[in-house]
Protein backbone atom coordinates (compact mmCIF):
# COMPACT_ATOMS: atom_id res chain seq x y z
CA MET A 1 29.26 -21.91 -5.47
CA LYS A 2 32.40 -19.90 -5.02
CA ARG A 3 33.11 -17.81 -1.97
CA ILE A 4 35.20 -15.01 -1.24
CA SER A 5 37.20 -14.97 1.51
CA SER A 6 39.86 -12.34 0.20
CA THR A 7 39.68 -8.97 0.79
CA THR A 8 37.51 -6.51 -2.33
CA ARG A 9 38.73 -3.23 -3.13
CA VAL A 10 36.06 -0.71 -4.91
CA ARG A 11 36.51 2.57 -6.16
CA LEU A 12 34.01 4.98 -6.41
CA ALA A 13 33.18 6.14 -9.56
CA ALA A 14 33.15 9.88 -9.04
CA ALA A 15 35.16 10.22 -5.65
CA PRO A 16 39.08 9.40 -5.40
CA LEU A 17 38.46 7.03 -2.00
CA LEU A 18 39.12 3.18 -1.48
CA PHE A 19 37.24 1.13 0.79
CA ALA A 20 38.02 -1.83 2.02
CA LEU A 21 35.32 -4.23 1.98
CA THR A 22 35.90 -7.92 3.62
CA ALA A 23 34.07 -10.92 3.10
CA ILE A 24 34.31 -12.63 6.37
CA GLY A 25 33.69 -9.29 8.75
CA SER A 26 31.57 -6.18 6.58
CA GLY A 27 32.68 -2.85 5.44
CA VAL A 28 30.73 0.15 6.11
CA PHE A 29 30.54 3.39 4.92
CA PRO A 30 28.80 6.16 3.81
CA GLY A 31 27.01 5.65 0.51
CA SER A 32 27.87 9.06 -0.95
CA VAL A 33 31.33 10.58 -0.01
CA HIS A 34 31.29 13.11 -2.79
CA ALA A 35 30.31 16.78 -1.81
CA GLN A 36 27.46 16.53 -5.05
CA THR A 37 24.68 18.52 -3.99
CA TYR A 38 21.63 19.08 -5.35
CA PRO A 39 21.29 20.07 -8.43
CA VAL A 40 23.96 17.20 -9.68
CA ASP A 41 25.01 16.62 -13.07
CA ASP A 42 22.82 14.11 -14.47
CA PRO A 43 19.56 15.72 -15.57
CA VAL A 44 17.62 12.46 -14.79
CA ILE A 45 18.89 13.13 -11.27
CA ASN A 46 17.73 16.42 -10.87
CA ALA A 47 14.25 15.53 -12.53
CA MET A 48 13.81 13.06 -10.15
CA TRP A 49 14.79 15.50 -6.92
CA GLU A 50 12.10 18.39 -8.43
CA THR A 51 9.14 15.58 -9.11
CA GLY A 52 9.75 13.48 -5.56
CA VAL A 53 11.27 16.28 -3.05
CA ILE A 54 9.74 19.38 -4.78
CA HIS A 55 6.52 18.77 -6.30
CA SER A 56 5.73 15.68 -3.85
CA ARG A 57 2.80 14.07 -3.79
CA VAL A 58 2.96 11.55 -0.63
CA GLU A 59 0.62 13.40 2.11
CA GLU A 60 -2.24 13.07 -0.51
CA LEU A 61 -1.47 9.51 -1.24
CA ALA A 62 -1.00 8.61 2.41
CA HIS A 63 -4.53 10.11 3.69
CA GLU A 64 -5.88 8.12 0.74
CA LEU A 65 -4.45 4.68 2.25
CA LEU A 66 -4.61 4.84 5.86
CA ASP A 67 -6.95 7.68 6.86
CA VAL A 68 -9.71 6.65 3.85
CA ILE A 69 -9.47 2.85 3.56
CA GLY A 70 -7.53 2.15 6.93
CA PRO A 71 -6.17 -1.22 7.77
CA ARG A 72 -5.40 -4.05 5.22
CA LEU A 73 -5.59 -7.44 7.08
CA THR A 74 -5.08 -10.15 4.95
CA GLY A 75 -8.70 -11.76 4.38
CA THR A 76 -10.06 -8.48 4.53
CA GLU A 77 -12.03 -5.90 2.11
CA GLY A 78 -9.57 -3.37 3.44
CA LEU A 79 -7.10 -5.05 1.57
CA ALA A 80 -9.12 -5.43 -1.31
CA ARG A 81 -9.98 -1.58 -1.51
CA ALA A 82 -6.29 -0.83 -1.34
CA GLN A 83 -5.65 -2.66 -4.15
CA ASP A 84 -8.17 -1.63 -6.21
CA TRP A 85 -7.06 2.28 -4.90
CA LEU A 86 -3.15 1.25 -6.26
CA LEU A 87 -4.92 0.24 -9.38
CA SER A 88 -6.50 3.21 -10.18
CA ARG A 89 -3.61 5.24 -9.25
CA TYR A 90 -1.04 3.58 -11.35
CA ASP A 91 -3.82 3.73 -14.32
CA GLU A 92 -3.79 7.15 -13.40
CA TRP A 93 -0.43 7.83 -14.03
CA GLY A 94 0.17 5.31 -17.53
CA ILE A 95 1.54 2.24 -15.76
CA GLU A 96 0.55 -0.76 -16.46
CA ALA A 97 -0.40 -2.95 -13.29
CA HIS A 98 -2.59 -5.81 -12.39
CA ARG A 99 -3.62 -7.91 -9.55
CA GLU A 100 -2.16 -11.60 -9.34
CA ALA A 101 -3.68 -14.23 -7.60
CA TYR A 102 -1.35 -16.05 -5.38
CA GLY A 103 -3.61 -18.10 -2.93
CA SER A 104 -6.85 -17.97 -0.45
CA TRP A 105 -7.17 -16.66 2.50
CA GLN A 106 -9.69 -16.67 5.71
CA GLY A 107 -12.22 -14.30 5.01
CA TRP A 108 -13.53 -11.44 7.97
CA GLU A 109 -14.60 -8.65 8.80
CA GLN A 110 -15.07 -6.54 12.24
CA GLY A 111 -17.14 -4.27 12.94
CA LEU A 112 -17.43 -2.22 16.12
CA LEU A 113 -16.13 -3.69 19.85
CA HIS A 114 -17.13 -2.11 23.17
CA VAL A 115 -15.53 -3.65 25.94
CA ASP A 116 -17.17 -2.27 29.74
CA MET A 117 -16.50 -3.10 33.17
CA LEU A 118 -19.84 -2.48 35.00
CA THR A 119 -18.96 -3.69 38.22
CA PRO A 120 -17.13 -2.91 40.78
CA ARG A 121 -17.36 -0.09 39.06
CA ARG A 122 -18.79 1.73 35.65
CA THR A 123 -15.67 2.53 33.02
CA SER A 124 -15.03 1.72 29.49
CA LEU A 125 -11.94 -0.12 28.60
CA GLU A 126 -9.19 0.39 25.87
CA ALA A 127 -9.71 -2.54 23.64
CA LYS A 128 -8.58 -4.45 20.33
CA LEU A 129 -10.61 -7.47 19.04
CA LEU A 130 -7.78 -10.00 17.35
CA ALA A 131 -8.00 -10.75 14.29
CA TRP A 132 -9.95 -13.58 12.93
CA SER A 133 -12.09 -13.77 16.14
CA ALA A 134 -15.20 -14.50 16.32
CA GLY A 135 -17.94 -11.75 17.23
CA THR A 136 -21.04 -11.93 19.85
CA ASP A 137 -24.63 -12.25 19.21
CA GLY A 138 -25.12 -8.97 20.83
CA PRO A 139 -23.64 -7.66 24.24
CA VAL A 140 -22.75 -10.48 26.71
CA ARG A 141 -22.16 -10.55 30.19
CA ALA A 142 -19.83 -12.22 32.36
CA ASP A 143 -17.59 -12.49 35.46
CA VAL A 144 -13.70 -12.55 34.77
CA VAL A 145 -11.94 -15.61 35.80
CA LEU A 146 -8.15 -16.18 36.61
CA PRO A 147 -6.30 -19.19 35.11
CA PRO A 148 -6.00 -22.14 37.34
CA THR A 149 -3.17 -22.38 39.93
CA SER A 150 -3.42 -26.21 40.34
CA SER A 151 -3.13 -29.45 37.85
CA ASP A 152 -4.88 -31.60 40.39
CA PRO A 153 -7.75 -33.27 39.14
CA ASP A 154 -10.34 -32.36 41.93
CA SER A 155 -8.97 -28.83 41.73
CA LEU A 156 -9.10 -28.51 38.05
CA ALA A 157 -12.89 -30.14 37.55
CA SER A 158 -13.89 -27.38 40.01
CA TRP A 159 -12.24 -24.86 38.24
CA THR A 160 -13.60 -25.90 34.76
CA ALA A 161 -17.03 -25.90 36.29
CA ALA A 162 -16.84 -22.72 38.10
CA ALA A 163 -15.21 -20.84 34.82
CA ARG A 164 -17.51 -22.15 31.83
CA GLY A 165 -19.51 -18.83 30.62
CA LYS A 166 -16.75 -16.40 31.93
CA PHE A 167 -14.01 -14.38 30.09
CA LEU A 168 -10.41 -15.69 31.11
CA LEU A 169 -8.13 -13.62 31.43
CA ALA A 170 -4.86 -15.21 29.50
CA SER A 171 -1.76 -12.95 30.01
CA ALA A 172 0.47 -12.28 32.54
CA PRO A 173 -0.07 -8.86 33.44
CA GLU A 174 2.69 -6.21 33.56
CA PRO A 175 3.70 -4.98 37.49
CA MET A 176 4.42 -1.58 35.52
CA CYS A 177 2.94 -0.13 32.22
CA ARG A 178 5.68 2.95 32.33
CA ALA A 179 8.22 2.84 29.34
CA ALA A 180 11.47 1.30 29.93
CA GLN A 181 13.96 3.67 29.00
CA GLU A 182 12.37 6.31 31.14
CA LEU A 183 12.34 3.95 34.36
CA GLU A 184 15.84 3.33 33.69
CA ALA A 185 16.76 7.01 33.48
CA ASN A 186 14.96 8.20 36.55
CA ALA A 187 14.41 4.98 39.12
CA ARG A 188 16.96 3.65 41.50
CA GLN A 189 18.89 0.62 39.95
CA GLU A 190 17.27 -1.66 42.87
CA THR A 191 13.67 -0.48 41.50
CA VAL A 192 14.50 -1.52 38.03
CA ASP A 193 15.72 -4.58 39.12
CA ALA A 194 12.79 -5.49 41.07
CA LEU A 195 10.73 -4.77 38.59
CA ALA A 196 12.57 -6.94 35.84
CA GLU A 197 12.36 -10.23 38.37
CA GLU A 198 8.88 -9.51 39.33
CA ARG A 199 7.82 -9.73 35.17
CA LEU A 200 9.85 -12.50 35.18
CA ALA A 201 8.27 -14.37 37.82
CA LEU A 202 4.64 -13.41 36.34
CA ARG A 203 5.00 -14.64 32.87
CA ARG A 204 6.36 -17.66 34.09
CA GLN A 205 3.58 -18.39 36.90
CA TRP A 206 0.88 -17.17 34.27
CA GLY A 207 2.91 -19.40 31.04
CA GLU A 208 2.70 -22.56 34.03
CA ARG A 209 -1.09 -21.86 34.58
CA MET A 210 -2.50 -21.21 30.97
CA GLY A 211 -0.22 -24.60 30.41
CA ILE A 212 -2.64 -25.93 32.45
CA VAL A 213 -5.87 -24.58 30.56
CA ARG A 214 -4.57 -26.18 27.15
CA GLU A 215 -4.03 -29.57 28.78
CA ALA A 216 -7.65 -29.75 29.70
CA ARG A 217 -8.84 -28.69 26.96
CA SER A 218 -9.00 -25.52 24.18
CA PRO A 219 -11.21 -22.45 25.42
CA ALA A 220 -13.57 -23.55 22.99
CA GLY A 221 -14.23 -26.63 25.01
CA LEU A 222 -14.46 -25.33 28.44
CA GLU A 223 -17.35 -22.83 27.38
CA LEU A 224 -15.79 -19.74 27.85
CA ALA A 225 -17.76 -16.53 27.09
CA GLY A 226 -14.55 -15.21 25.99
CA VAL A 227 -10.67 -15.16 26.38
CA ILE A 228 -9.27 -11.31 27.54
CA THR A 229 -5.31 -10.93 26.59
CA SER A 230 -2.78 -7.96 27.06
CA ARG A 231 0.20 -8.07 24.80
CA TRP A 232 2.06 -5.16 25.62
CA SER A 233 4.42 -3.25 23.50
CA GLY A 234 6.70 -1.42 25.99
CA GLY A 235 6.10 1.68 25.49
CA TRP A 236 3.48 4.06 26.90
CA GLY A 237 -0.73 2.79 25.89
CA VAL A 238 0.85 0.81 23.07
CA ASN A 239 -0.10 -2.92 22.42
CA LYS A 240 0.95 -5.23 19.94
CA VAL A 241 -2.43 -6.72 18.54
CA PHE A 242 -2.05 -10.18 16.25
CA SER A 243 -4.71 -13.23 15.81
CA ALA A 244 -7.11 -14.93 17.84
CA GLY A 245 -6.76 -18.60 18.70
CA SER A 246 -10.00 -20.35 19.21
CA ASP A 247 -13.54 -20.11 17.94
CA VAL A 248 -14.84 -17.95 21.03
CA VAL A 249 -14.35 -14.07 20.71
CA GLU A 250 -10.54 -12.83 21.78
CA VAL A 251 -10.22 -9.26 22.37
CA ASP A 252 -6.75 -7.49 23.94
CA VAL A 253 -7.02 -4.76 26.63
CA SER A 254 -4.32 -2.43 27.43
CA CYS A 255 -1.90 -2.86 29.72
CA GLU A 256 -3.27 -0.60 32.10
CA ASP A 257 -6.77 -1.71 31.97
CA TYR A 258 -5.82 -4.97 32.17
CA GLY A 259 -3.51 -5.09 35.23
CA LEU A 260 -6.94 -3.35 36.72
CA LEU A 261 -8.30 -6.48 35.88
CA VAL A 262 -6.24 -8.79 37.52
CA ARG A 263 -5.76 -6.61 40.36
CA LEU A 264 -9.81 -6.47 41.36
CA ALA A 265 -9.85 -10.49 40.11
CA GLU A 266 -7.11 -11.22 42.74
CA SER A 267 -8.66 -8.98 45.77
CA GLY A 268 -11.68 -10.66 45.42
CA HIS A 269 -13.51 -7.87 43.50
CA THR A 270 -14.34 -9.86 40.76
CA PRO A 271 -15.25 -7.28 37.27
CA HIS A 272 -18.27 -7.95 35.51
CA LEU A 273 -17.83 -7.24 32.03
CA GLN A 274 -19.54 -6.24 28.83
CA ILE A 275 -18.38 -7.54 25.44
CA MET A 276 -20.22 -6.44 22.21
CA ALA A 277 -18.02 -7.65 19.00
CA GLU A 278 -19.31 -7.02 15.61
CA ALA A 279 -16.92 -10.05 13.41
CA GLU A 280 -18.04 -11.93 10.29
CA ARG A 281 -16.11 -14.89 9.38
CA ARG A 282 -16.81 -14.97 5.41
CA GLY A 283 -15.13 -18.02 4.51
CA THR A 284 -12.64 -18.61 1.64
CA VAL A 285 -11.70 -15.87 -0.19
CA GLU A 286 -8.87 -15.58 -3.13
CA GLN A 287 -5.51 -13.32 -2.24
CA PHE A 288 -3.79 -11.34 -4.64
CA ASN A 289 -0.80 -9.03 -5.22
CA VAL A 290 -0.69 -6.31 -7.31
CA ILE A 291 2.13 -5.95 -9.74
CA GLY A 292 2.91 -2.69 -11.79
CA GLN A 293 5.82 -2.34 -14.91
CA ILE A 294 7.40 -0.19 -16.91
CA THR A 295 8.70 -1.99 -19.76
CA GLY A 296 12.71 -1.69 -20.54
CA THR A 297 13.81 -0.47 -24.11
CA GLU A 298 17.28 -2.38 -23.89
CA LEU A 299 16.97 -5.07 -21.68
CA PRO A 300 13.09 -5.78 -21.27
CA ASN A 301 13.93 -9.17 -20.00
CA GLU A 302 15.90 -8.15 -17.13
CA TYR A 303 14.32 -6.57 -13.94
CA VAL A 304 14.56 -3.89 -11.65
CA LEU A 305 11.62 -4.57 -8.59
CA LEU A 306 10.47 -2.16 -6.63
CA HIS A 307 8.60 -3.81 -3.51
CA ALA A 308 6.87 -3.26 -0.52
CA HIS A 309 3.73 -5.35 1.10
CA LEU A 310 0.93 -3.92 1.26
CA ASP A 311 -1.56 -5.93 4.11
CA SER A 312 -1.09 -5.07 7.53
CA TRP A 313 -2.65 -6.32 10.92
CA HIS A 314 -5.41 -4.25 11.83
CA ALA A 315 -5.57 -2.72 15.28
CA ALA A 316 -4.42 0.60 13.47
CA THR A 317 -3.99 1.55 10.19
CA GLY A 318 -0.70 0.20 9.08
CA ALA A 319 1.02 3.48 8.95
CA THR A 320 4.63 2.51 9.21
CA ASP A 321 4.10 -1.06 8.77
CA ASN A 322 3.83 -1.02 5.67
CA GLY A 323 1.81 2.06 4.52
CA THR A 324 4.89 3.78 4.59
CA GLY A 325 6.81 1.34 2.53
CA THR A 326 3.93 1.02 0.41
CA LEU A 327 3.91 4.97 -0.34
CA VAL A 328 7.61 4.85 -1.21
CA MET A 329 7.27 2.39 -4.07
CA LEU A 330 3.94 3.84 -5.58
CA GLU A 331 5.44 7.06 -5.20
CA ALA A 332 9.14 6.16 -6.76
CA MET A 333 7.06 4.66 -9.63
CA ARG A 334 5.52 7.89 -10.29
CA ILE A 335 8.72 9.70 -10.35
CA LEU A 336 9.98 7.03 -12.63
CA ARG A 337 7.05 7.13 -14.81
CA GLU A 338 7.37 10.91 -15.22
CA THR A 339 11.59 11.30 -15.59
CA TYR A 340 12.71 8.12 -16.74
CA PRO A 341 9.75 6.72 -19.12
CA GLU A 342 11.71 4.48 -20.85
CA PRO A 343 14.09 2.48 -18.53
CA ARG A 344 16.72 0.46 -19.89
CA ARG A 345 15.82 -2.38 -18.04
CA THR A 346 12.22 -3.40 -16.96
CA ILE A 347 11.19 -1.86 -13.78
CA LEU A 348 8.57 -4.01 -11.88
CA VAL A 349 6.41 -2.78 -8.50
CA GLY A 350 5.72 -5.36 -6.39
CA HIS A 351 2.83 -4.63 -3.55
CA TRP A 352 2.65 -8.13 -1.90
CA GLY A 353 0.08 -9.41 -0.08
CA ALA A 354 0.16 -11.71 3.32
CA GLU A 355 3.69 -10.64 4.07
CA GLU A 356 2.33 -10.45 8.30
CA GLN A 357 1.39 -14.18 7.48
CA GLY A 358 4.80 -15.37 6.49
CA LEU A 359 6.24 -13.49 3.33
CA ILE A 360 3.53 -15.21 1.33
CA GLY A 361 2.86 -13.01 -1.18
CA SER A 362 6.52 -12.38 -1.95
CA GLY A 363 7.17 -16.25 -2.10
CA SER A 364 4.23 -16.92 -4.12
CA PHE A 365 5.81 -14.34 -6.57
CA ARG A 366 9.23 -15.87 -6.30
CA GLU A 367 7.75 -19.80 -7.17
CA ASP A 368 5.45 -18.35 -10.14
CA HIS A 369 8.14 -15.89 -11.76
CA PRO A 370 11.62 -17.68 -12.12
CA ASP A 371 11.89 -15.42 -15.54
CA VAL A 372 12.22 -12.48 -13.49
CA VAL A 373 14.15 -14.09 -10.27
CA ASP A 374 16.65 -15.20 -13.12
CA GLY A 375 16.75 -11.60 -15.02
CA LEU A 376 16.97 -9.96 -11.63
CA GLN A 377 19.08 -7.29 -11.89
CA ALA A 378 18.36 -6.06 -8.36
CA ALA A 379 15.55 -5.56 -5.50
CA PHE A 380 14.63 -3.30 -3.28
CA ASN A 381 12.44 -3.38 -0.16
CA GLN A 382 11.27 -0.96 2.67
CA ASP A 383 9.65 -2.36 5.56
CA ASN A 384 9.77 -0.29 8.75
CA GLY A 385 8.53 2.75 9.57
CA THR A 386 9.38 6.06 8.73
CA TRP A 387 12.64 8.64 9.31
CA ARG A 388 15.09 8.41 6.57
CA PHE A 389 16.70 5.46 5.14
CA GLU A 390 20.03 5.18 7.35
CA LYS A 391 21.03 1.54 6.02
CA ILE A 392 21.59 -0.42 3.07
CA ASP A 393 22.68 -3.96 3.57
CA GLY A 394 24.84 -5.62 0.25
CA GLN A 395 23.22 -8.86 1.84
CA GLY A 396 26.32 -10.98 1.57
CA PHE A 397 26.32 -10.41 -2.22
CA ALA A 398 29.97 -10.08 -3.33
CA ASP A 399 29.27 -7.89 -6.42
CA ALA A 400 27.27 -5.67 -3.99
CA ALA A 401 30.26 -3.93 -3.67
CA ASN A 402 30.99 -3.15 -7.28
CA HIS A 403 27.24 -1.52 -7.97
CA LEU A 404 26.07 -0.48 -4.92
CA PRO A 405 28.18 2.31 -4.46
CA ARG A 406 28.18 3.19 -8.40
CA TRP A 407 24.33 3.58 -7.80
CA MET A 408 24.42 6.07 -5.42
CA ASN A 409 27.27 7.94 -6.41
CA PRO A 410 24.91 10.49 -8.29
CA VAL A 411 22.38 10.95 -5.38
CA PRO A 412 22.44 14.66 -3.81
CA THR A 413 24.50 14.53 -0.91
CA GLU A 414 21.38 15.80 0.80
CA MET A 415 20.15 12.54 1.19
CA ALA A 416 22.97 9.89 0.43
CA SER A 417 25.29 11.67 3.52
CA ARG A 418 22.98 9.41 5.65
CA VAL A 419 22.92 6.52 4.27
CA LEU A 420 25.35 3.67 5.01
CA LEU A 421 26.49 0.77 2.83
CA GLU A 422 27.46 -2.51 4.71
CA LEU A 423 29.21 -4.49 1.69
CA PRO A 424 29.72 -7.53 1.22
CA GLY A 425 27.02 -7.19 4.09
CA PRO A 426 25.95 -9.33 6.98
CA GLN A 427 22.26 -9.96 6.23
CA ALA A 428 21.55 -8.98 9.37
CA ASN A 429 18.06 -8.70 9.28
CA ALA A 430 15.73 -11.67 7.52
CA GLY A 431 12.28 -10.38 8.37
CA SER A 432 11.05 -9.16 5.05
CA ASP A 433 10.26 -9.95 1.49
CA HIS A 434 13.84 -8.79 0.69
CA THR A 435 14.77 -12.15 1.44
CA SER A 436 11.85 -14.34 -0.61
CA PHE A 437 14.68 -13.18 -3.54
CA VAL A 438 17.99 -13.59 -1.61
CA CYS A 439 17.19 -17.12 -0.40
CA ALA A 440 16.95 -17.71 -4.28
CA GLY A 441 20.31 -16.25 -4.70
CA ALA A 442 18.52 -12.91 -6.29
CA PRO A 443 20.22 -9.62 -5.36
CA SER A 444 17.28 -7.70 -3.12
CA PHE A 445 18.18 -5.16 -0.56
CA ARG A 446 16.21 -3.80 2.42
CA LEU A 447 16.41 0.20 2.35
CA GLN A 448 16.25 0.40 6.04
CA SER A 449 15.09 3.01 8.69
CA PRO A 450 15.98 3.48 12.40
CA TYR A 451 14.23 0.44 14.45
CA ASP A 452 14.13 0.89 18.31
CA GLU A 453 11.32 3.31 18.39
CA TYR A 454 9.35 1.95 15.36
CA ARG A 455 9.56 -1.77 17.57
CA GLN A 456 8.14 -0.49 20.90
CA TYR A 457 5.44 1.96 19.22
CA THR A 458 4.23 1.11 15.64
CA TRP A 459 5.05 -2.17 14.61
CA HIS A 460 2.04 -4.51 14.81
CA THR A 461 0.29 -1.66 17.32
CA ASN A 462 -2.61 0.21 18.12
CA ARG A 463 -0.73 3.13 17.52
CA ASP A 464 0.41 2.90 13.93
CA THR A 465 -1.25 6.02 12.40
CA TYR A 466 -1.17 8.50 9.74
CA ASP A 467 0.15 10.93 12.41
CA LYS A 468 3.33 8.82 12.72
CA ILE A 469 4.87 9.43 9.90
CA VAL A 470 7.60 12.04 8.95
CA PHE A 471 6.80 13.33 5.42
CA ASP A 472 9.89 15.43 4.81
CA ASP A 473 11.79 12.09 5.04
CA LEU A 474 9.33 9.83 3.47
CA LYS A 475 9.49 12.39 -0.04
CA GLU A 476 13.36 11.80 0.04
CA ASN A 477 12.80 7.88 0.99
CA ALA A 478 10.76 7.39 -1.92
CA THR A 479 13.11 9.34 -4.32
CA LEU A 480 15.73 8.11 -3.18
CA ALA A 481 13.93 4.39 -4.25
CA ALA A 482 13.37 5.88 -7.50
CA MET A 483 16.97 7.43 -8.00
CA LEU A 484 18.49 3.46 -6.76
CA ALA A 485 16.03 1.95 -9.65
CA TYR A 486 17.22 4.26 -12.21
CA GLY A 487 20.99 3.55 -11.23
CA ALA A 488 20.37 -0.31 -11.55
CA SER A 489 18.58 0.05 -14.52
CA GLU A 490 21.55 1.96 -16.75
CA ASP A 491 24.12 0.13 -15.11
CA PRO A 492 26.17 -1.37 -18.17
CA ASN A 493 26.99 -4.53 -16.32
CA ARG A 494 24.80 -7.12 -15.01
CA PHE A 495 24.99 -7.77 -11.15
CA GLY A 496 26.62 -10.90 -10.20
CA ARG A 497 25.38 -13.64 -7.77
CA GLU A 498 28.51 -14.75 -6.03
CA GLN A 499 27.67 -15.07 -2.51
CA ALA A 500 30.18 -14.00 0.56
CA ASN A 501 30.97 -15.72 3.77
CA LEU A 502 28.18 -14.31 6.29
CA PRO A 503 30.19 -12.89 9.47
CA GLY A 504 29.17 -14.43 12.67
CA ALA A 505 28.20 -17.70 13.54
CA ASP A 506 24.85 -19.20 13.96
CA ARG A 507 23.37 -20.44 17.66
CA MET A 508 24.80 -23.40 17.65
CA GLY A 509 28.54 -21.50 16.78
CA ASN A 510 28.81 -22.79 13.31
CA ALA A 511 29.82 -20.77 10.10
CA ARG A 512 26.51 -18.68 9.09
CA THR A 513 25.13 -19.95 5.81
CA TRP A 514 22.49 -18.85 2.81
CA GLY A 515 19.49 -20.25 4.09
CA PRO A 516 17.16 -22.05 1.52
CA CYS A 517 13.74 -20.83 0.16
CA ARG A 518 10.56 -21.63 1.92
CA ALA A 519 7.16 -22.60 0.09
CA PRO A 520 5.04 -20.22 1.05
CA ARG A 521 1.90 -21.26 2.85
CA ARG A 522 -0.88 -20.32 -0.35
CA SER A 523 -4.05 -20.98 2.04
CA MET A 524 -5.22 -20.64 5.90
CA ASN A 525 -6.47 -24.09 5.56
């Protein structure tokens, strides 16, 4: 396929400015450089602003999805209820929508969890059950045990016997659970450096000790009562909570409480715990995407796709990963239905399942719908946090410079001036569903919000809840998504698929290449 290697210039339709966009590097400029404020000349854009910003429904929808339905882990009833809810909303708004099966997963339901320390003093611990973990048959009481320090056969045999029926502390403790940016702002540099060295040493030591456990036998083979881990996120009171890896109960304990358990065990004041975990594994259950559409009037076999993953992890309610993305696309479809009911091209919405397990829902849709991939004019994905959209990466498509600025051009400056376009784009972030289509050479763009706080505090954590959403920003994001879909639908020209050279180098120092598509894992087995 032809690669662009010369400088490309783009003139924005409503602005007398030129921008140099190199294919080897990446041009960066504001998404809107005109002085166009609301209201604008385009009546559809004005109607979208009124519907999406002035008469937004995102707060109501967020409450229903996040507070009432809650977490949406793959294989759980929470995800199925969320899909039912989406279908009912689309039906209410007169938008055709349906479930589409793509595979299966392990069915699982969690109930109540209590983790309590009974000795050397009595207190309840902050904990979450790991995804797909086994439960307990009522309360289970046992001491904790530290991993072995020696792989000597005699020592290991002695440790294995002593560990039977106990709760294994399987993670390295943190030397301090204080947010790094505050430590760096207020502590002496030698303190910061010493803590960093201690953290590295603890992780190395625990890695070696748990390596001995794995070589000896699995946690189930050790006849442990359960496994206790702690995956601190680097912020106050925040842990990342993922999946279990054994057939015994597995819980994640907060950074502070986990450190307490380790210190007590090391000092000889061995904690005695009680864990009561309600959980049920329900065998294999079918999994679905939810697909909606507003059929095009002139080019029904060309498509604009709005998409976001619906599934979440389970330790909180998945508000910013990816409740906000789900709400952006749901609300954008409502805006489009009310203000642009007869689009030129067909507008699709995809609410994917199992993104967290490896882009499974979107990858399956790509495999199952080559007609949509071939006819795709543009796709827009949202999958990180709250705050306003700040950047759109052209994903290395040479033609991005000829389309994205024009689609942004009528957008009111109140929104567009905050968005940077990187064109043709570096493909800088490959972690979400947009890549399920980019890998096939189909134009799919990520509507990106700021990352740092999201990564530290809400991404896959126990604090990813409704209260973290900035609704003024969410209203504008949904409205902008609708405006971009409108621009892409009305564009008289088809988006080309010529690939530009990607800037930078891979880990081996070679020129970066466009990665191939990976087959989605359609079942847990």
